[in-house]
C-alpha atoms as a PDB file:
ATOM      1  CA  MET A   1     -27.951   5.706   6.168  1.00  0.00           C
ATOM      2  CA  LYS A   2     -27.449   6.108   9.747  1.00  0.00           C
ATOM      3  CA  VAL A   3     -28.644   2.772  10.586  1.00  0.00           C
ATOM      4  CA  LYS A   4     -26.758   0.782   7.739  1.00  0.00           C
ATOM      5  CA  THR A   5     -23.375   2.530   9.374  1.00  0.00           C
ATOM      6  CA  THR A   6     -24.675   1.448  12.526  1.00  0.00           C
ATOM      7  CA  TYR A   7     -25.244  -2.263  11.670  1.00  0.00           C
ATOM      8  CA  LEU A   8     -22.065  -2.128   9.688  1.00  0.00           C
ATOM      9  CA  ALA A   9     -20.134  -0.991  12.760  1.00  0.00           C
ATOM     10  CA  ILE A  10     -21.642  -3.590  14.830  1.00  0.00           C
ATOM     11  CA  GLY A  11     -20.998  -6.055  12.424  1.00  0.00           C
ATOM     12  CA  VAL A  12     -17.452  -5.203  12.183  1.00  0.00           C
ATOM     13  CA  GLY A  13     -17.401  -5.530  16.258  1.00  0.00           C
ATOM     14  CA  LEU A  14     -19.114  -8.711  16.314  1.00  0.00           C
ATOM     15  CA  ILE A  15     -16.456 -10.194  13.648  1.00  0.00           C
ATOM     16  CA  VAL A  16     -13.094  -8.366  15.716  1.00  0.00           C
ATOM     17  CA  VAL A  17     -14.517  -9.984  18.859  1.00  0.00           C
ATOM     18  CA  SER A  18     -15.485 -13.694  17.505  1.00  0.00           C
ATOM     19  CA  LEU A  19     -12.129 -13.664  15.664  1.00  0.00           C
ATOM     20  CA  ALA A  20     -10.021 -12.539  19.192  1.00  0.00           C
ATOM     21  CA  ILE A  21     -12.422 -15.288  20.784  1.00  0.00           C
ATOM     22  CA  PHE A  22     -11.414 -18.027  18.248  1.00  0.00           C
ATOM     23  CA  TYR A  23      -7.735 -16.757  18.662  1.00  0.00           C
ATOM     24  CA  THR A  24      -7.810 -17.033  22.303  1.00  0.00           C
ATOM     25  CA  TYR A  25      -9.550 -20.383  22.146  1.00  0.00           C
ATOM     26  CA  SER A  26      -6.801 -21.732  19.512  1.00  0.00           C
ATOM     27  CA  ALA A  27      -4.070 -20.557  21.773  1.00  0.00           C
ATOM     28  CA  ASP A  28      -5.491 -22.155  24.593  1.00  0.00           C
ATOM     29  CA  GLN A  29      -5.840 -25.264  22.931  1.00  0.00           C
ATOM     30  CA  ALA A  30      -2.342 -25.616  21.523  1.00  0.00           C
ATOM     31  CA  LYS A  31      -0.661 -24.824  25.099  1.00  0.00           C
ATOM     32  CA  ILE A  32      -3.114 -27.777  26.200  1.00  0.00           C
ATOM     33  CA  ARG A  33      -1.859 -29.839  23.477  1.00  0.00           C
ATOM     34  CA  GLY A  34       1.689 -29.101  24.435  1.00  0.00           C
ATOM     35  CA  PHE A  35       1.014 -29.680  27.983  1.00  0.00           C
ATOM     36  CA  ASN A  36      -0.557 -32.998  27.323  1.00  0.00           C
ATOM     37  CA  PHE A  37       2.521 -33.765  24.863  1.00  0.00           C
ATOM     38  CA  GLY A  38       5.002 -32.860  27.424  1.00  0.00           C
ATOM     39  CA  ASN A  39       3.509 -35.110  30.135  1.00  0.00           C
ATOM     40  CA  SER A  40       2.996 -38.005  27.788  1.00  0.00           C
ATOM     41  CA  LEU A  41       6.558 -37.723  26.876  1.00  0.00           C
ATOM     42  CA  GLN A  42       7.603 -37.394  30.520  1.00  0.00           C
ATOM     43  CA  ALA A  43       5.618 -40.208  31.337  1.00  0.00           C
ATOM     44  CA  ILE A  44       7.347 -42.517  28.865  1.00  0.00           C
ATOM     45  CA  GLN A  45      10.602 -41.236  29.826  1.00  0.00           C
ATOM     46  CA  ASP A  46       9.958 -42.383  33.477  1.00  0.00           C
ATOM     47  CA  GLU A  47       8.641 -45.562  32.540  1.00  0.00           C
ATOM     48  CA  LEU A  48      11.862 -46.375  30.491  1.00  0.00           C
ATOM     49  CA  LYS A  49      13.834 -45.235  33.669  1.00  0.00           C
ATOM     50  CA  GLN A  50      12.183 -47.696  35.822  1.00  0.00           C
ATOM     51  CA  VAL A  51      12.167 -50.626  33.111  1.00  0.00           C
ATOM     52  CA  GLN A  52      15.868 -49.889  32.996  1.00  0.00           C
ATOM     53  CA  THR A  53      16.666 -49.446  36.896  1.00  0.00           C
ATOM     54  CA  GLU A  54      14.903 -52.890  37.340  1.00  0.00           C
ATOM     55  CA  PHE A  55      17.200 -54.622  34.259  1.00  0.00           C
ATOM     56  CA  TYR A  56      20.543 -53.420  35.764  1.00  0.00           C
ATOM     57  CA  SER A  57      18.940 -54.168  38.969  1.00  0.00           C
ATOM     58  CA  LYS A  58      18.602 -57.778  38.306  1.00  0.00           C
ATOM     59  CA  LYS A  59      22.165 -57.857  36.605  1.00  0.00           C
ATOM     60  CA  THR A  60      23.831 -56.741  39.839  1.00  0.00           C
ATOM     61  CA  MET A  61      21.812 -58.843  41.698  1.00  0.00           C
ATOM     62  CA  MET A  62      23.165 -61.866  39.255  1.00  0.00           C
ATOM     63  CA  ASP A  63      26.603 -60.611  39.531  1.00  0.00           C
ATOM     64  CA  GLU A  64      26.245 -60.796  43.681  1.00  0.00           C
ATOM     65  CA  ASN A  65      24.942 -64.212  43.488  1.00  0.00           C
ATOM     66  CA  SER A  66      21.326 -63.151  44.948  1.00  0.00           C
ATOM     67  CA  ILE A  67      19.793 -64.674  41.627  1.00  0.00           C
ATOM     68  CA  SER A  68      20.914 -67.336  39.343  1.00  0.00           C
ATOM     69  CA  LYS A  69      22.209 -66.659  35.373  1.00  0.00           C
ATOM     70  CA  GLU A  70      19.093 -68.858  34.543  1.00  0.00           C
ATOM     71  CA  GLU A  71      16.561 -66.347  36.515  1.00  0.00           C
ATOM     72  CA  PHE A  72      18.380 -63.276  35.103  1.00  0.00           C
ATOM     73  CA  LEU A  73      17.972 -64.823  31.580  1.00  0.00           C
ATOM     74  CA  ALA A  74      14.301 -65.116  32.306  1.00  0.00           C
ATOM     75  CA  PHE A  75      13.648 -62.206  33.464  1.00  0.00           C
ATOM     76  CA  SER A  76      15.553 -60.627  30.393  1.00  0.00           C
ATOM     77  CA  GLU A  77      12.891 -61.818  27.793  1.00  0.00           C
ATOM     78  CA  THR A  78      10.602 -59.837  30.032  1.00  0.00           C
ATOM     79  CA  HIS A  79      12.520 -56.958  30.072  1.00  0.00           C
ATOM     80  CA  ILE A  80      12.898 -56.893  26.304  1.00  0.00           C
ATOM     81  CA  GLN A  81       9.128 -56.952  25.868  1.00  0.00           C
ATOM     82  CA  LYS A  82       8.687 -53.984  28.057  1.00  0.00           C
ATOM     83  CA  MET A  83      11.307 -52.100  26.116  1.00  0.00           C
ATOM     84  CA  LYS A  84       9.524 -53.176  22.600  1.00  0.00           C
ATOM     85  CA  GLU A  85       6.088 -51.493  24.785  1.00  0.00           C
ATOM     86  CA  VAL A  86       8.100 -48.268  25.423  1.00  0.00           C
ATOM     87  CA  LEU A  87       9.235 -47.673  21.865  1.00  0.00           C
ATOM     88  CA  ALA A  88       5.682 -48.058  20.813  1.00  0.00           C
ATOM     89  CA  LYS A  89       4.432 -45.547  23.092  1.00  0.00           C
ATOM     90  CA  TYR A  90       6.783 -42.949  21.441  1.00  0.00           C
ATOM     91  CA  ASP A  91       5.195 -44.227  18.101  1.00  0.00           C
ATOM     92  CA  ALA A  92       1.933 -43.348  19.615  1.00  0.00           C
ATOM     93  CA  LEU A  93       2.882 -39.971  20.471  1.00  0.00           C
ATOM     94  CA  LEU A  94       1.540 -36.621  18.183  1.00  0.00           C
ATOM     95  CA  PRO A  95       4.005 -34.417  18.912  1.00  0.00           C
ATOM     96  CA  PRO A  96       3.954 -30.559  17.758  1.00  0.00           C
ATOM     97  CA  ASP A  97       6.057 -30.391  14.568  1.00  0.00           C
ATOM     98  CA  SER A  98       8.872 -28.288  16.327  1.00  0.00           C
ATOM     99  CA  PHE A  99       9.331 -31.388  18.568  1.00  0.00           C
ATOM    100  CA  ALA A 100       9.551 -34.407  16.314  1.00  0.00           C
ATOM    101  CA  ASN A 101      13.060 -34.349  16.037  1.00  0.00           C
ATOM    102  CA  SER A 102      13.471 -34.671  19.700  1.00  0.00           C
ATOM    103  CA  VAL A 103      11.023 -37.486  19.806  1.00  0.00           C
ATOM    104  CA  SER A 104      12.676 -39.153  17.052  1.00  0.00           C
ATOM    105  CA  LEU A 105      16.056 -38.980  18.940  1.00  0.00           C
ATOM    106  CA  PHE A 106      14.571 -40.311  22.199  1.00  0.00           C
ATOM    107  CA  ARG A 107      12.768 -43.379  20.599  1.00  0.00           C
ATOM    108  CA  ALA A 108      16.444 -43.621  18.570  1.00  0.00           C
ATOM    109  CA  SER A 109      17.980 -43.683  22.018  1.00  0.00           C
ATOM    110  CA  THR A 110      15.633 -46.297  23.465  1.00  0.00           C
ATOM    111  CA  GLN A 111      15.908 -48.332  20.499  1.00  0.00           C
ATOM    112  CA  LYS A 112      19.693 -48.454  20.979  1.00  0.00           C
ATOM    113  CA  GLN A 113      19.211 -49.056  24.795  1.00  0.00           C
ATOM    114  CA  MET A 114      17.259 -52.298  23.987  1.00  0.00           C
ATOM    115  CA  GLU A 115      19.744 -53.456  21.319  1.00  0.00           C
ATOM    116  CA  SER A 116      22.446 -52.974  23.794  1.00  0.00           C
ATOM    117  CA  ASP A 117      20.723 -54.826  26.668  1.00  0.00           C
ATOM    118  CA  VAL A 118      19.766 -57.532  24.013  1.00  0.00           C
ATOM    119  CA  LEU A 119      23.776 -58.059  23.274  1.00  0.00           C
ATOM    120  CA  LEU A 120      24.449 -57.596  27.152  1.00  0.00           C
ATOM    121  CA  VAL A 121      21.983 -60.709  27.834  1.00  0.00           C
ATOM    122  CA  GLU A 122      23.624 -62.539  24.820  1.00  0.00           C
ATOM    123  CA  TRP A 123      27.351 -61.905  26.165  1.00  0.00           C
ATOM    124  CA  ILE A 124      25.765 -63.273  29.646  1.00  0.00           C
ATOM    125  CA  ARG A 125      24.584 -66.348  28.023  1.00  0.00           C
ATOM    126  CA  THR A 126      27.189 -66.888  25.491  1.00  0.00           C
ATOM    127  CA  ASN A 127      30.369 -65.307  27.240  1.00  0.00           C
ATOM    128  CA  ASP A 128      30.807 -64.217  23.615  1.00  0.00           C
ATOM    129  CA  THR A 129      32.945 -60.793  24.323  1.00  0.00           C
ATOM    130  CA  SER A 130      32.353 -59.135  21.253  1.00  0.00           C
ATOM    131  CA  SER A 131      28.551 -58.804  22.386  1.00  0.00           C
ATOM    132  CA  LYS A 132      29.932 -57.178  25.422  1.00  0.00           C
ATOM    133  CA  VAL A 133      31.749 -54.687  23.667  1.00  0.00           C
ATOM    134  CA  ARG A 134      28.638 -53.901  20.725  1.00  0.00           C
ATOM    135  CA  SER A 135      26.605 -53.433  23.900  1.00  0.00           C
ATOM    136  CA  ASP A 136      29.003 -50.841  25.322  1.00  0.00           C
ATOM    137  CA  LEU A 137      28.772 -49.323  22.028  1.00  0.00           C
ATOM    138  CA  LEU A 138      25.630 -48.886  21.878  1.00  0.00           C
ATOM    139  CA  LEU A 139      24.939 -47.607  25.042  1.00  0.00           C
ATOM    140  CA  GLN A 140      27.270 -45.080  24.636  1.00  0.00           C
ATOM    141  CA  GLU A 141      25.347 -43.983  21.100  1.00  0.00           C
ATOM    142  CA  SER A 142      21.890 -44.189  23.159  1.00  0.00           C
ATOM    143  CA  PHE A 143      23.395 -41.747  25.716  1.00  0.00           C
ATOM    144  CA  GLU A 144      24.383 -39.642  22.855  1.00  0.00           C
ATOM    145  CA  ASP A 145      21.058 -39.825  21.183  1.00  0.00           C
ATOM    146  CA  GLU A 146      19.613 -39.093  24.620  1.00  0.00           C
ATOM    147  CA  LEU A 147      21.837 -35.836  25.097  1.00  0.00           C
ATOM    148  CA  ALA A 148      20.808 -34.676  21.584  1.00  0.00           C
ATOM    149  CA  ALA A 149      17.200 -35.417  22.038  1.00  0.00           C
ATOM    150  CA  LEU A 150      17.227 -33.206  25.329  1.00  0.00           C
ATOM    151  CA  ALA A 151      19.312 -30.500  23.514  1.00  0.00           C
ATOM    152  CA  SER A 152      16.478 -30.578  20.656  1.00  0.00           C
ATOM    153  CA  PHE A 153      13.873 -30.609  23.225  1.00  0.00           C
ATOM    154  CA  THR A 154      15.033 -27.628  25.195  1.00  0.00           C
ATOM    155  CA  LYS A 155      15.572 -25.936  21.878  1.00  0.00           C
ATOM    156  CA  ALA A 156      12.177 -26.441  20.761  1.00  0.00           C
ATOM    157  CA  LYS A 157      10.633 -25.936  24.006  1.00  0.00           C
ATOM    158  CA  ASN A 158      12.448 -22.450  24.241  1.00  0.00           C
ATOM    159  CA  SER A 159      11.306 -21.524  20.972  1.00  0.00           C
ATOM    160  CA  ALA A 160       7.783 -22.060  21.360  1.00  0.00           C
ATOM    161  CA  GLY A 161       7.740 -20.532  24.948  1.00  0.00           C
END
Protein backbone atom coordinates (compact mmCIF):
# COMPACT_ATOMS: atom_id res chain seq x y z
CA MET A 1 0.00 0.00 0.00
CA LYS A 2 2.82 2.35 0.86
CA VAL A 3 4.46 1.67 -2.55
CA LYS A 4 1.22 2.59 -4.36
CA THR A 5 1.00 5.84 -2.42
CA THR A 6 4.62 6.64 -3.27
CA TYR A 7 4.01 5.96 -6.98
CA LEU A 8 0.83 8.03 -6.86
CA ALA A 9 2.70 10.93 -5.24
CA ILE A 10 5.48 10.68 -7.84
CA GLY A 11 2.88 10.56 -10.62
CA VAL A 12 1.05 13.63 -9.28
CA GLY A 13 4.39 15.41 -8.87
CA LEU A 14 5.35 14.64 -12.46
CA ILE A 15 2.00 15.91 -13.71
CA VAL A 16 2.36 19.15 -11.71
CA VAL A 17 5.93 19.68 -12.98
CA SER A 18 4.85 18.87 -16.57
CA LEU A 19 1.95 21.32 -16.37
CA ALA A 20 4.23 24.02 -14.98
CA ILE A 21 6.74 23.45 -17.80
CA PHE A 22 3.96 23.46 -20.40
CA TYR A 23 2.47 26.67 -18.98
CA THR A 24 5.86 28.40 -18.90
CA TYR A 25 6.65 27.23 -22.44
CA SER A 26 3.23 28.41 -23.71
CA ALA A 27 3.64 31.79 -22.02
CA ASP A 28 7.13 32.16 -23.53
CA GLN A 29 5.80 31.23 -26.99
CA ALA A 30 3.01 33.80 -26.64
CA LYS A 31 5.56 36.46 -25.70
CA ILE A 32 7.70 35.52 -28.71
CA ARG A 33 4.67 35.66 -31.04
CA GLY A 34 3.70 39.03 -29.57
CA PHE A 35 7.24 40.34 -29.95
CA ASN A 36 7.41 39.13 -33.57
CA PHE A 37 4.01 40.67 -34.31
CA GLY A 38 5.11 43.99 -32.81
CA ASN A 39 8.30 43.95 -34.85
CA SER A 40 6.41 43.12 -38.04
CA LEU A 41 3.92 45.93 -37.45
CA GLN A 42 6.75 48.36 -36.72
CA ALA A 43 8.52 47.33 -39.95
CA ILE A 44 5.33 48.02 -41.94
CA GLN A 45 4.92 51.41 -40.28
CA ASP A 46 8.58 52.26 -40.97
CA GLU A 47 8.22 51.25 -44.61
CA LEU A 48 5.05 53.33 -44.93
CA LYS A 49 6.84 56.36 -43.48
CA GLN A 50 9.71 55.90 -45.93
CA VAL A 51 7.36 55.55 -48.93
CA GLN A 52 5.37 58.64 -47.89
CA THR A 53 8.51 60.69 -47.20
CA GLU A 54 9.82 59.84 -50.65
CA PHE A 55 6.47 60.78 -52.26
CA TYR A 56 6.23 64.15 -50.56
CA SER A 57 9.91 64.81 -51.22
CA LYS A 58 9.27 64.29 -54.94
CA LYS A 59 6.24 66.59 -54.77
CA THR A 60 8.37 69.28 -53.11
CA MET A 61 10.99 68.80 -55.81
CA MET A 62 8.29 69.33 -58.44
CA ASP A 63 7.00 72.40 -56.58
CA GLU A 64 10.55 73.80 -56.60
CA ASN A 65 10.99 72.92 -60.29
CA SER A 66 13.78 70.43 -59.53
CA ILE A 67 11.82 67.78 -61.41
CA SER A 68 9.14 68.19 -64.03
CA LYS A 69 5.45 67.52 -63.56
CA GLU A 70 5.83 64.56 -65.94
CA GLU A 71 8.66 63.10 -63.85
CA PHE A 72 6.54 63.43 -60.72
CA LEU A 73 3.55 61.80 -62.42
CA ALA A 74 5.73 58.92 -63.62
CA PHE A 75 7.13 58.51 -60.10
CA SER A 76 3.61 58.57 -58.64
CA GLU A 77 2.76 55.30 -60.42
CA THR A 78 5.62 53.57 -58.62
CA HIS A 79 4.53 55.21 -55.38
CA ILE A 80 0.97 53.89 -55.63
CA GLN A 81 2.31 50.39 -56.33
CA LYS A 82 4.51 50.61 -53.22
CA MET A 83 1.49 51.71 -51.18
CA LYS A 84 -0.46 48.68 -52.42
CA GLU A 85 2.43 46.46 -51.33
CA VAL A 86 2.38 48.04 -47.86
CA LEU A 87 -1.37 47.41 -47.62
CA ALA A 88 -0.83 43.75 -48.51
CA LYS A 89 1.62 43.42 -45.62
CA TYR A 90 -1.11 44.39 -43.13
CA ASP A 91 -3.25 41.61 -44.60
CA ALA A 92 -0.44 39.11 -44.03
CA LEU A 93 -0.10 39.95 -40.32
CA LEU A 94 -1.47 37.52 -37.77
CA PRO A 95 -2.20 39.83 -34.86
CA PRO A 96 -3.20 38.55 -31.43
CA ASP A 97 -6.95 39.09 -30.94
CA SER A 98 -6.41 42.07 -28.66
CA PHE A 99 -4.46 43.86 -31.43
CA ALA A 100 -6.79 43.07 -34.36
CA ASN A 101 -8.65 46.38 -34.04
CA SER A 102 -5.46 48.45 -34.07
CA VAL A 103 -4.16 46.61 -37.15
CA SER A 104 -7.50 47.21 -38.87
CA LEU A 105 -7.26 50.92 -38.09
CA PHE A 106 -3.62 51.14 -39.25
CA ARG A 107 -4.64 49.47 -42.50
CA ALA A 108 -7.61 51.82 -42.94
CA SER A 109 -5.31 54.78 -42.34
CA THR A 110 -2.88 53.53 -44.97
CA GLN A 111 -5.70 52.88 -47.43
CA LYS A 112 -6.96 56.44 -47.00
CA GLN A 113 -3.42 57.78 -47.35
CA MET A 114 -3.07 55.96 -50.66
CA GLU A 115 -6.45 57.23 -51.87
CA SER A 116 -5.43 60.75 -50.83
CA ASP A 117 -2.20 60.39 -52.80
CA VAL A 118 -4.12 59.17 -55.87
CA LEU A 119 -6.35 62.24 -55.67
CA LEU A 120 -3.37 64.55 -55.13
CA VAL A 121 -1.79 63.14 -58.28
CA GLU A 122 -5.11 63.58 -60.08
CA TRP A 123 -5.19 67.22 -58.99
CA ILE A 124 -1.64 67.74 -60.27
CA ARG A 125 -2.50 65.99 -63.53
CA THR A 126 -5.81 67.79 -64.21
CA ASN A 127 -5.76 70.88 -61.97
CA ASP A 128 -9.23 69.83 -60.75
CA THR A 129 -9.56 71.54 -57.37
CA SER A 130 -12.19 69.06 -56.15
CA SER A 131 -9.55 66.31 -56.29
CA LYS A 132 -7.27 68.38 -54.05
CA VAL A 133 -10.10 69.01 -51.58
CA ARG A 134 -11.00 65.31 -51.41
CA SER A 135 -7.30 64.45 -51.08
CA ASP A 136 -6.98 66.78 -48.09
CA LEU A 137 -10.12 65.33 -46.47
CA LEU A 138 -8.85 61.77 -46.88
CA LEU A 139 -5.48 62.75 -45.48
CA GLN A 140 -7.23 64.15 -42.39
CA GLU A 141 -9.28 60.95 -42.02
CA SER A 142 -6.09 58.92 -42.41
CA PHE A 143 -4.48 60.93 -39.62
CA GLU A 144 -7.51 60.38 -37.38
CA ASP A 145 -7.47 56.63 -38.09
CA GLU A 146 -3.78 56.49 -37.26
CA LEU A 147 -4.33 58.25 -33.94
CA ALA A 148 -7.16 55.82 -33.15
CA ALA A 149 -4.91 52.90 -34.15
CA LEU A 150 -2.14 54.10 -31.86
CA ALA A 151 -4.59 54.50 -28.96
CA SER A 152 -6.04 51.04 -29.60
CA PHE A 153 -2.55 49.52 -29.85
CA THR A 154 -1.45 51.18 -26.61
CA LYS A 155 -4.59 50.01 -24.81
CA ALA A 156 -4.11 46.41 -26.05
CA LYS A 157 -0.42 46.49 -25.15
CA ASN A 158 -1.12 47.78 -21.64
CA SER A 159 -3.82 45.18 -21.00
CA ALA A 160 -1.57 42.40 -22.35
CA GLY A 161 1.45 43.46 -20.30
